[in-house]
Amino acid sequence: MSCEEQAAEALRRAGHKVTPQRMLILRALRHADGHITASQITEQVREAYPFVDVSTVYRTLDVLKRMKLATMTDMGGGDAVFEWAPEEPHHHLICSSCGEISQVEHHYFDSLATQITRDFGFAPDLHHFAIFGLCRECQPGPGK
């Protein structure tokens, strides 16, 4: 069974219709090379299905996000970006000055999740997010 067939089956099991538009949206997201905006997905889908509405794309992305098949992150560029949920969660460090983006593995946040749960009785969803700050090169320091 292909990855798209597996996702379609997951949609059905969750009670969602599997429409041609949804499958095109799913395919565009699944085969994107990293992060992609809803507008970019809409453009790709319109190549095969010209009358798809951007609201259909957003609704489908919301469904995929709630099902943990997709992640959404504000990378500071104005539009939220989406990504097919990776096997292993990852996060991003984004320099507010030069825009450099570094990937951070999830294990850095394991203790944070445990501490939040212990201290607040709250189960955080730390699956995919961005942290803004200054990279090494952009930080003020001696001689800079």
Protein backbone atom coordinates (compact mmCIF):
# COMPACT_ATOMS: atom_id res chain seq x y z
CA MET A 1 0.00 0.00 0.00
CA SER A 2 1.43 3.40 -1.01
CA CYS A 3 1.84 6.26 1.45
CA GLU A 4 -1.10 8.05 -0.17
CA GLU A 5 -3.31 4.97 0.10
CA GLN A 6 -2.36 4.67 3.77
CA ALA A 7 -3.27 8.32 4.37
CA ALA A 8 -6.57 7.88 2.47
CA GLU A 9 -7.38 4.87 4.64
CA ALA A 10 -6.57 6.89 7.78
CA LEU A 11 -8.93 9.64 6.56
CA ARG A 12 -11.71 7.09 5.99
CA ARG A 13 -11.20 5.52 9.43
CA ALA A 14 -11.46 8.99 10.98
CA GLY A 15 -14.78 9.55 9.18
CA HIS A 16 -13.56 11.93 6.47
CA LYS A 17 -14.45 11.72 2.80
CA VAL A 18 -11.63 10.92 0.41
CA THR A 19 -12.24 13.27 -2.51
CA PRO A 20 -10.04 13.84 -5.57
CA GLN A 21 -9.24 17.34 -4.25
CA ARG A 22 -8.14 15.96 -0.89
CA MET A 23 -5.96 13.35 -2.55
CA LEU A 24 -4.27 16.01 -4.71
CA ILE A 25 -3.68 18.18 -1.62
CA LEU A 26 -2.34 15.21 0.28
CA ARG A 27 -0.04 14.27 -2.61
CA ALA A 28 1.30 17.84 -2.94
CA LEU A 29 2.07 17.97 0.77
CA ARG A 30 3.47 14.44 0.97
CA HIS A 31 5.85 14.96 -1.95
CA ALA A 32 6.95 18.51 -1.14
CA ASP A 33 10.62 18.85 -0.43
CA GLY A 34 10.26 20.17 3.13
CA HIS A 35 7.97 23.03 4.06
CA ILE A 36 5.27 24.36 1.73
CA THR A 37 2.62 27.07 2.03
CA ALA A 38 -1.09 26.59 1.44
CA SER A 39 -0.78 28.91 -1.58
CA GLN A 40 1.91 26.71 -3.10
CA ILE A 41 -0.23 23.62 -2.52
CA THR A 42 -3.20 25.38 -4.13
CA GLU A 43 -1.10 26.24 -7.21
CA GLN A 44 0.03 22.63 -7.59
CA VAL A 45 -3.47 21.22 -7.14
CA ARG A 46 -4.92 23.70 -9.66
CA GLU A 47 -2.66 22.26 -12.35
CA ALA A 48 -4.76 19.07 -12.22
CA TYR A 49 -7.98 20.44 -10.70
CA PRO A 50 -8.34 24.12 -11.77
CA PHE A 51 -11.42 24.92 -9.70
CA VAL A 52 -10.14 23.90 -6.26
CA ASP A 53 -10.80 26.64 -3.72
CA VAL A 54 -8.10 27.78 -1.30
CA SER A 55 -10.56 27.21 1.57
CA THR A 56 -10.67 23.51 0.59
CA VAL A 57 -6.88 23.41 0.86
CA TYR A 58 -6.94 25.04 4.32
CA ARG A 59 -9.73 22.76 5.57
CA THR A 60 -7.89 19.67 4.34
CA LEU A 61 -4.63 20.84 5.91
CA ASP A 62 -6.49 21.40 9.19
CA VAL A 63 -7.86 17.85 9.06
CA LEU A 64 -4.39 16.43 8.32
CA LYS A 65 -2.92 18.51 11.15
CA ARG A 66 -5.53 17.30 13.67
CA MET A 67 -4.81 13.73 12.56
CA LYS A 68 -1.06 14.35 13.16
CA LEU A 69 -0.33 13.61 9.48
CA ALA A 70 0.88 17.18 8.89
CA THR A 71 2.52 19.92 10.90
CA MET A 72 2.11 23.68 10.66
CA THR A 73 4.77 26.18 11.70
CA ASP A 74 5.15 29.95 11.62
CA MET A 75 8.68 30.36 10.28
CA GLY A 76 8.48 34.16 10.45
CA GLY A 77 7.96 34.68 6.72
CA GLY A 78 4.33 35.79 6.91
CA ASP A 79 2.62 32.61 5.76
CA ALA A 80 2.43 29.48 7.88
CA VAL A 81 4.19 26.54 6.32
CA PHE A 82 3.09 22.93 6.32
CA GLU A 83 5.05 19.73 6.23
CA TRP A 84 4.15 16.06 6.05
CA ALA A 85 4.60 14.87 9.63
CA PRO A 86 8.08 13.39 9.83
CA GLU A 87 8.71 10.03 11.49
CA GLU A 88 10.79 11.80 14.12
CA PRO A 89 9.64 15.29 15.19
CA HIS A 90 12.06 18.15 14.63
CA HIS A 91 12.13 21.86 15.34
CA HIS A 92 13.76 24.98 13.96
CA LEU A 93 15.98 27.76 15.26
CA ILE A 94 15.45 30.89 13.16
CA CYS A 95 17.75 33.90 13.30
CA SER A 96 15.67 37.07 13.52
CA SER A 97 18.50 39.05 11.97
CA CYS A 98 19.84 37.09 8.97
CA GLY A 99 17.05 34.51 8.57
CA GLU A 100 19.30 31.45 8.91
CA ILE A 101 17.33 28.32 9.81
CA SER A 102 18.83 25.43 11.74
CA GLN A 103 17.08 22.17 12.51
CA VAL A 104 16.97 20.94 16.12
CA GLU A 105 16.26 17.36 17.03
CA HIS A 106 13.33 16.59 19.28
CA HIS A 107 15.31 15.09 22.17
CA TYR A 108 16.28 18.61 23.30
CA PHE A 109 12.65 19.13 24.31
CA ASP A 110 11.89 15.84 26.07
CA SER A 111 12.71 17.20 29.53
CA LEU A 112 10.69 20.37 28.83
CA ALA A 113 7.58 18.32 28.01
CA THR A 114 8.05 16.23 31.16
CA GLN A 115 8.51 19.31 33.35
CA ILE A 116 5.45 21.09 31.89
CA THR A 117 3.33 18.00 32.47
CA ARG A 118 4.62 17.61 36.03
CA ASP A 119 4.36 21.30 37.01
CA PHE A 120 1.12 22.24 35.27
CA GLY A 121 -0.72 18.98 34.59
CA PHE A 122 -0.68 20.02 30.95
CA ALA A 123 0.25 17.69 28.08
CA PRO A 124 2.11 19.92 25.59
CA ASP A 125 2.14 19.18 21.87
CA LEU A 126 5.80 19.79 21.12
CA HIS A 127 5.70 18.11 17.73
CA HIS A 128 6.98 20.88 15.47
CA PHE A 129 7.73 24.51 16.16
CA ALA A 130 10.18 27.35 15.58
CA ILE A 131 12.26 29.28 18.09
CA PHE A 132 13.37 32.77 17.09
CA GLY A 133 16.57 34.40 18.30
CA LEU A 134 20.03 35.36 17.07
CA CYS A 135 22.51 32.96 15.49
CA ARG A 136 26.15 32.93 16.57
CA GLU A 137 27.15 35.27 13.73
CA CYS A 138 24.46 37.87 14.48
CA GLN A 139 24.89 38.05 18.25
CA PRO A 140 26.57 41.19 19.50
CA GLY A 141 29.94 40.53 21.03
CA PRO A 142 33.50 41.75 21.33
CA GLY A 143 34.93 42.91 18.04
CA LYS A 144 31.60 42.83 16.16
